[in-house]
N, C-alpha and C. Protein backbone atom coordinates (compact mmCIF):
# COMPACT_ATOMS: atom_id res chain seq x y z
N UNK A 1 6.03 11.83 7.52
CA UNK A 1 6.31 10.58 8.23
C UNK A 1 7.03 9.51 7.16
N UNK A 2 8.21 9.05 7.74
CA UNK A 2 9.13 8.19 6.95
C UNK A 2 8.66 6.63 7.44
N UNK A 3 8.36 5.93 6.50
CA UNK A 3 8.05 4.48 6.47
C UNK A 3 9.14 3.70 6.15
N UNK A 4 9.58 3.03 7.35
CA UNK A 4 10.79 2.05 7.52
C UNK A 4 10.84 0.77 7.95
N UNK A 5 9.19 0.35 8.37
CA UNK A 5 8.95 -0.99 8.90
C UNK A 5 7.54 -1.67 8.49
N UNK A 6 7.15 -2.60 8.77
CA UNK A 6 5.66 -2.86 8.73
C UNK A 6 4.99 -2.19 9.59
N UNK A 7 5.48 -2.15 10.63
CA UNK A 7 5.02 -1.42 11.81
C UNK A 7 4.36 0.01 11.33
N UNK A 8 5.35 0.72 10.83
CA UNK A 8 5.09 2.15 10.26
C UNK A 8 3.92 2.03 9.27
N UNK A 9 3.92 0.95 8.24
CA UNK A 9 2.82 0.93 7.38
C UNK A 9 1.66 0.76 8.19
N UNK A 10 1.45 -0.14 9.03
CA UNK A 10 0.26 -0.51 9.59
C UNK A 10 -0.23 0.74 10.52
N UNK A 11 0.62 1.81 11.01
CA UNK A 11 0.24 2.85 11.76
C UNK A 11 0.05 3.95 10.76
N UNK A 12 0.57 4.07 9.79
CA UNK A 12 0.18 5.01 8.69
C UNK A 12 -1.41 4.88 8.03
N UNK A 13 -1.54 3.39 7.65
CA UNK A 13 -2.74 3.14 7.03
C UNK A 13 -3.82 3.35 8.35
N UNK A 14 -3.56 2.94 9.62
CA UNK A 14 -4.82 3.20 10.48
C UNK A 14 -4.91 4.44 10.79
N UNK A 15 -4.08 5.50 10.34
CA UNK A 15 -4.32 6.90 10.74
C UNK A 15 -5.26 7.54 9.61
N UNK A 16 -5.42 6.85 8.59
CA UNK A 16 -6.37 7.42 7.47
C UNK A 16 -7.81 7.34 7.80
N UNK A 17 -8.60 8.16 7.50
CA UNK A 17 -10.12 8.14 7.94
C UNK A 17 -10.83 6.95 7.32
N UNK A 18 -11.74 6.23 8.11
CA UNK A 18 -12.60 5.12 7.68
C UNK A 18 -11.80 3.98 7.28
N UNK A 19 -10.52 3.85 7.91
CA UNK A 19 -9.79 2.63 7.36
C UNK A 19 -9.97 1.44 8.48
N UNK A 20 -9.87 0.16 7.94
CA UNK A 20 -9.86 -0.87 8.77
C UNK A 20 -8.75 -1.81 8.53
N UNK A 21 -8.36 -2.81 9.44
CA UNK A 21 -7.16 -3.57 9.36
C UNK A 21 -7.95 -4.94 9.38
N UNK A 22 -7.74 -5.60 8.26
CA UNK A 22 -8.38 -7.11 8.17
C UNK A 22 -7.54 -7.98 7.96
N UNK A 23 -7.89 -9.32 7.91
CA UNK A 23 -7.25 -10.57 7.78
C UNK A 23 -7.90 -11.46 6.78
N UNK A 24 -8.30 -11.10 5.65
CA UNK A 24 -9.10 -12.11 4.83
C UNK A 24 -8.41 -13.31 4.20
N UNK A 25 -7.09 -13.33 4.39
CA UNK A 25 -6.24 -14.08 3.65
C UNK A 25 -5.60 -15.00 5.02
N UNK A 26 -5.89 -14.82 6.16
CA UNK A 26 -5.31 -15.53 7.10
C UNK A 26 -4.32 -14.49 7.99
N UNK A 27 -3.97 -15.06 9.16
CA UNK A 27 -3.42 -14.15 10.04
C UNK A 27 -1.95 -13.31 9.76
N UNK A 28 -1.54 -13.97 8.82
CA UNK A 28 -0.09 -13.42 8.28
C UNK A 28 -0.44 -12.27 7.16
N UNK A 29 -1.48 -11.95 6.84
CA UNK A 29 -1.57 -10.92 5.78
C UNK A 29 -2.41 -9.78 6.23
N UNK A 30 -1.74 -8.71 6.72
CA UNK A 30 -2.61 -7.51 6.99
C UNK A 30 -3.20 -6.74 5.73
N UNK A 31 -4.44 -6.48 5.74
CA UNK A 31 -5.21 -5.87 4.52
C UNK A 31 -5.80 -4.44 4.98
N UNK A 32 -5.35 -3.28 4.66
CA UNK A 32 -6.01 -2.18 4.89
C UNK A 32 -6.96 -1.87 3.89
N UNK A 33 -8.23 -1.62 4.41
CA UNK A 33 -9.37 -1.28 3.50
C UNK A 33 -10.02 0.14 3.96
N UNK A 34 -10.50 0.75 3.00
CA UNK A 34 -11.22 1.96 3.22
C UNK A 34 -12.72 1.68 2.72
N UNK A 35 -13.82 1.70 3.48
CA UNK A 35 -15.04 1.48 3.16
C UNK A 35 -15.12 0.24 2.48
N UNK A 36 -14.38 -0.87 3.01
CA UNK A 36 -14.44 -2.20 2.35
C UNK A 36 -13.40 -2.42 1.12
N UNK A 37 -12.94 -1.55 0.83
CA UNK A 37 -12.03 -1.62 -0.56
C UNK A 37 -10.46 -1.43 -0.28
N UNK A 38 -9.78 -2.54 -0.52
CA UNK A 38 -8.43 -2.60 -0.24
C UNK A 38 -7.63 -1.58 -1.00
N UNK A 39 -6.55 -1.06 0.08
CA UNK A 39 -5.59 -0.05 -0.49
C UNK A 39 -4.24 -0.49 -0.25
N UNK A 40 -4.11 -1.31 0.73
CA UNK A 40 -2.71 -1.71 0.96
C UNK A 40 -2.70 -3.11 1.68
N UNK A 41 -1.59 -4.03 1.41
CA UNK A 41 -1.53 -5.30 1.90
C UNK A 41 -0.13 -5.54 2.39
N UNK A 42 0.25 -6.16 3.62
CA UNK A 42 1.53 -6.47 3.82
C UNK A 42 1.58 -7.93 4.61
N UNK A 43 2.73 -8.66 4.29
CA UNK A 43 2.78 -9.91 4.81
C UNK A 43 3.62 -9.78 6.15
N UNK A 44 2.99 -10.23 7.19
CA UNK A 44 3.47 -10.15 8.43
C UNK A 44 4.59 -11.18 8.79
N UNK A 45 4.48 -12.21 8.13
CA UNK A 45 5.44 -13.33 8.52
C UNK A 45 6.72 -13.52 7.50
N UNK A 46 6.77 -12.68 6.60
CA UNK A 46 8.03 -12.60 5.63
C UNK A 46 9.17 -12.13 6.00
N UNK A 47 10.32 -12.62 5.83
CA UNK A 47 11.53 -12.06 6.44
C UNK A 47 11.67 -10.93 5.81
N UNK A 48 11.42 -10.67 4.54
CA UNK A 48 11.62 -9.36 3.79
C UNK A 48 10.29 -8.45 3.92
N UNK A 49 10.44 -7.26 4.59
CA UNK A 49 9.28 -6.39 4.78
C UNK A 49 8.88 -5.88 3.41
N UNK A 50 7.60 -5.98 3.11
CA UNK A 50 7.02 -5.35 1.80
C UNK A 50 5.69 -4.76 2.01
N UNK A 51 5.38 -3.86 1.40
CA UNK A 51 3.88 -3.50 1.24
C UNK A 51 3.29 -3.29 -0.13
N UNK A 52 2.12 -3.80 -0.50
CA UNK A 52 1.71 -3.65 -1.83
C UNK A 52 0.52 -2.71 -1.83
N UNK A 53 0.79 -1.46 -2.78
CA UNK A 53 0.01 -0.61 -3.00
C UNK A 53 -0.50 -0.17 -4.30
N UNK A 54 -2.00 0.32 -4.24
CA UNK A 54 -2.40 0.75 -5.67
C UNK A 54 -1.83 2.03 -6.18
N UNK A 55 -1.65 1.86 -7.48
CA UNK A 55 -1.21 3.05 -8.14
C UNK A 55 -1.49 3.27 -9.37
N UNK A 56 -1.86 4.43 -10.05
CA UNK A 56 -2.27 4.71 -11.29
C UNK A 56 -1.09 4.01 -12.26
N UNK A 57 -1.66 3.54 -13.34
CA UNK A 57 -0.64 2.73 -14.30
C UNK A 57 0.48 3.55 -14.68
N UNK A 58 0.42 4.76 -15.13
CA UNK A 58 1.64 5.65 -15.57
C UNK A 58 2.46 5.65 -14.47
N UNK A 59 1.99 6.01 -13.39
CA UNK A 59 2.95 6.22 -11.94
C UNK A 59 3.53 5.02 -11.77
N UNK A 60 2.93 3.76 -11.78
CA UNK A 60 3.21 2.51 -11.24
C UNK A 60 4.44 1.97 -12.18
N UNK A 61 4.31 2.21 -13.59
CA UNK A 61 5.35 2.00 -14.51
C UNK A 61 6.35 2.64 -14.14
N UNK A 62 6.43 4.17 -13.87
CA UNK A 62 7.53 5.01 -13.65
C UNK A 62 8.29 4.48 -12.35
N UNK A 63 7.52 4.39 -11.41
CA UNK A 63 8.01 3.88 -10.07
C UNK A 63 8.91 2.71 -9.99
N UNK A 64 8.28 1.65 -11.00
CA UNK A 64 9.09 0.29 -10.98
C UNK A 64 10.37 0.72 -11.81
N UNK A 65 10.43 1.49 -12.90
CA UNK A 65 11.53 2.02 -13.79
C UNK A 65 12.44 2.63 -12.80
N UNK A 66 11.91 3.65 -12.06
CA UNK A 66 13.05 4.33 -11.39
C UNK A 66 13.61 3.93 -9.99
N UNK A 67 12.77 3.00 -9.27
CA UNK A 67 13.29 2.60 -7.86
C UNK A 67 13.33 1.08 -7.88
N UNK A 68 14.73 0.69 -7.53
CA UNK A 68 15.02 -0.57 -7.52
C UNK A 68 14.32 -1.56 -6.39
N UNK A 69 13.67 -0.62 -5.39
CA UNK A 69 13.00 -1.40 -4.30
C UNK A 69 11.37 -1.37 -4.60
N UNK A 70 11.01 -1.14 -5.90
CA UNK A 70 9.64 -1.18 -6.15
C UNK A 70 9.54 -1.94 -7.46
N UNK A 71 8.54 -2.98 -7.28
CA UNK A 71 8.32 -3.90 -8.43
C UNK A 71 6.68 -3.87 -8.67
N UNK A 72 6.44 -4.48 -9.82
CA UNK A 72 5.22 -4.72 -10.11
C UNK A 72 4.44 -5.49 -8.91
N UNK A 73 3.13 -5.14 -8.51
CA UNK A 73 2.47 -5.75 -7.60
C UNK A 73 2.32 -7.30 -7.31
N UNK A 74 2.59 -7.92 -6.16
CA UNK A 74 2.74 -9.24 -6.01
C UNK A 74 1.59 -9.74 -5.77
N UNK A 75 1.01 -10.79 -6.63
CA UNK A 75 -0.26 -11.27 -6.64
C UNK A 75 -1.58 -10.41 -7.00
N UNK A 76 -1.07 -9.28 -7.71
CA UNK A 76 -2.08 -8.39 -7.97
C UNK A 76 -1.88 -7.98 -9.50
N UNK A 77 -3.05 -7.18 -9.89
CA UNK A 77 -2.78 -6.66 -11.18
C UNK A 77 -1.46 -5.88 -11.56
N UNK A 78 -0.59 -6.13 -12.35
CA UNK A 78 0.65 -5.47 -12.40
C UNK A 78 0.61 -4.01 -12.74
N UNK A 79 -0.42 -3.93 -13.56
CA UNK A 79 -0.73 -2.36 -14.12
C UNK A 79 -1.10 -1.30 -13.02
N UNK A 80 -1.85 -1.79 -12.07
CA UNK A 80 -2.66 -1.11 -11.01
C UNK A 80 -1.77 -1.01 -9.57
N UNK A 81 -1.10 -1.92 -9.43
CA UNK A 81 -0.51 -2.26 -8.07
C UNK A 81 0.96 -2.25 -8.10
N UNK A 82 1.83 -2.00 -7.02
CA UNK A 82 3.32 -2.08 -6.95
C UNK A 82 3.49 -2.64 -5.60
N UNK A 83 4.67 -3.48 -5.49
CA UNK A 83 5.20 -3.99 -3.99
C UNK A 83 6.29 -3.27 -3.84
N UNK A 84 6.43 -2.63 -2.68
CA UNK A 84 7.70 -1.88 -2.19
C UNK A 84 8.42 -2.66 -1.15
N UNK A 85 9.65 -2.92 -1.27
CA UNK A 85 10.46 -3.53 -0.40
C UNK A 85 11.10 -2.50 0.61
N UNK A 86 10.78 -2.68 1.93
CA UNK A 86 11.24 -1.55 3.04
C UNK A 86 12.44 -2.09 3.27
N UNK A 87 13.44 -1.18 3.47
CA UNK A 87 14.81 -1.48 3.93
C UNK A 87 15.67 -0.09 3.87
N UNK A 88 17.04 -0.34 4.21
CA UNK A 88 17.84 0.87 3.99
C UNK A 88 17.67 1.85 3.07
N UNK A 89 17.89 1.23 1.83
CA UNK A 89 17.88 2.16 0.82
C UNK A 89 16.44 2.70 0.29
N UNK A 90 15.35 2.16 0.93
CA UNK A 90 14.01 2.59 0.55
C UNK A 90 13.90 4.29 1.07
N UNK A 91 13.22 5.05 0.37
CA UNK A 91 12.88 6.24 0.68
C UNK A 91 11.66 6.39 1.50
N UNK A 92 11.69 6.49 2.69
CA UNK A 92 10.59 6.18 3.65
C UNK A 92 9.41 7.41 3.57
N UNK A 93 9.72 8.58 2.91
CA UNK A 93 8.73 9.62 2.54
C UNK A 93 8.01 9.16 1.31
N UNK A 94 8.93 8.57 0.46
CA UNK A 94 8.13 8.34 -0.71
C UNK A 94 7.00 7.21 -0.37
N UNK A 95 7.50 6.45 0.55
CA UNK A 95 6.38 5.19 0.62
C UNK A 95 5.32 5.72 1.31
N UNK A 96 5.54 6.66 2.23
CA UNK A 96 4.45 7.15 3.02
C UNK A 96 3.33 7.99 1.96
N UNK A 97 4.01 8.65 1.07
CA UNK A 97 3.23 9.46 -0.11
C UNK A 97 2.56 8.24 -0.80
N UNK A 98 3.12 7.16 -1.12
CA UNK A 98 2.37 6.10 -1.93
C UNK A 98 1.34 5.39 -1.12
N UNK A 99 1.50 5.36 0.05
CA UNK A 99 0.31 4.82 0.87
C UNK A 99 -0.72 5.99 0.76
N UNK A 100 -0.75 7.18 1.09
CA UNK A 100 -1.65 8.10 1.00
C UNK A 100 -2.19 8.25 -0.51
N UNK A 101 -1.41 8.00 -1.53
CA UNK A 101 -1.87 7.94 -2.81
C UNK A 101 -2.74 6.82 -3.15
N UNK A 102 -2.38 5.71 -2.74
CA UNK A 102 -3.24 4.51 -2.87
C UNK A 102 -4.78 4.58 -2.14
N UNK A 103 -4.55 5.10 -0.96
CA UNK A 103 -5.68 5.23 -0.20
C UNK A 103 -6.75 6.34 -1.22
N UNK A 104 -6.11 7.48 -1.57
CA UNK A 104 -6.85 8.47 -2.16
C UNK A 104 -7.29 7.78 -3.73
N UNK A 105 -6.71 6.90 -4.33
CA UNK A 105 -7.23 6.42 -5.50
C UNK A 105 -8.52 5.51 -5.19
N UNK A 106 -8.53 4.69 -4.07
CA UNK A 106 -9.57 3.82 -3.74
C UNK A 106 -10.69 4.76 -3.37
N UNK A 107 -10.49 5.93 -2.40
CA UNK A 107 -11.64 6.73 -2.19
C UNK A 107 -12.15 7.33 -3.52
N UNK A 108 -11.40 7.83 -4.47
CA UNK A 108 -11.72 8.55 -5.59
C UNK A 108 -12.79 7.48 -6.42
N UNK A 109 -12.56 6.30 -6.13
CA UNK A 109 -13.50 5.25 -7.05
C UNK A 109 -14.69 4.82 -6.23
N UNK A 110 -14.89 5.40 -5.07
CA UNK A 110 -16.08 4.99 -4.24
C UNK A 110 -17.15 6.01 -4.70
N UNK A 111 -18.57 5.49 -4.51
CA UNK A 111 -19.50 6.35 -4.62
C UNK A 111 -19.44 7.60 -3.90
N UNK A 112 -19.78 8.88 -4.20
CA UNK A 112 -19.89 10.05 -3.46
C UNK A 112 -20.53 9.75 -2.01
N UNK A 113 -21.44 9.17 -1.97
CA UNK A 113 -22.21 9.12 -0.62
C UNK A 113 -21.53 8.03 0.30
N UNK A 114 -20.42 7.36 0.10
CA UNK A 114 -19.74 6.49 0.58
C UNK A 114 -18.28 6.90 1.08
N UNK A 115 -18.00 7.87 0.45
CA UNK A 115 -16.64 8.57 0.46
C UNK A 115 -16.51 9.03 2.03
N UNK A 116 -15.31 8.77 2.65
CA UNK A 116 -15.18 9.35 4.11
C UNK A 116 -14.76 11.07 4.12
């Protein structure tokens, strides 16, 4: 699945098991959570479409280095989060993989009895 817009981000997140779409920071920020833990954030009002995702530190560093549309996570721990700008030059398949990877990282950190 190629991710090219905020709507695609929301759909991809919603398709993952035990995911909720919440708005703890107000109606303009969609926050995808798995068992109450954040794995994706997107600003619904911004002109520039972005998604912020969890990533392993070494992976996050490589992503920022290798892709002009990926930068350290906006308003997040820069070692563990990246912000991806969605646009024509964005690799939509990579963004989908990053969403799934973010979800998997969060699930791996959950106690076994709470994992979906």
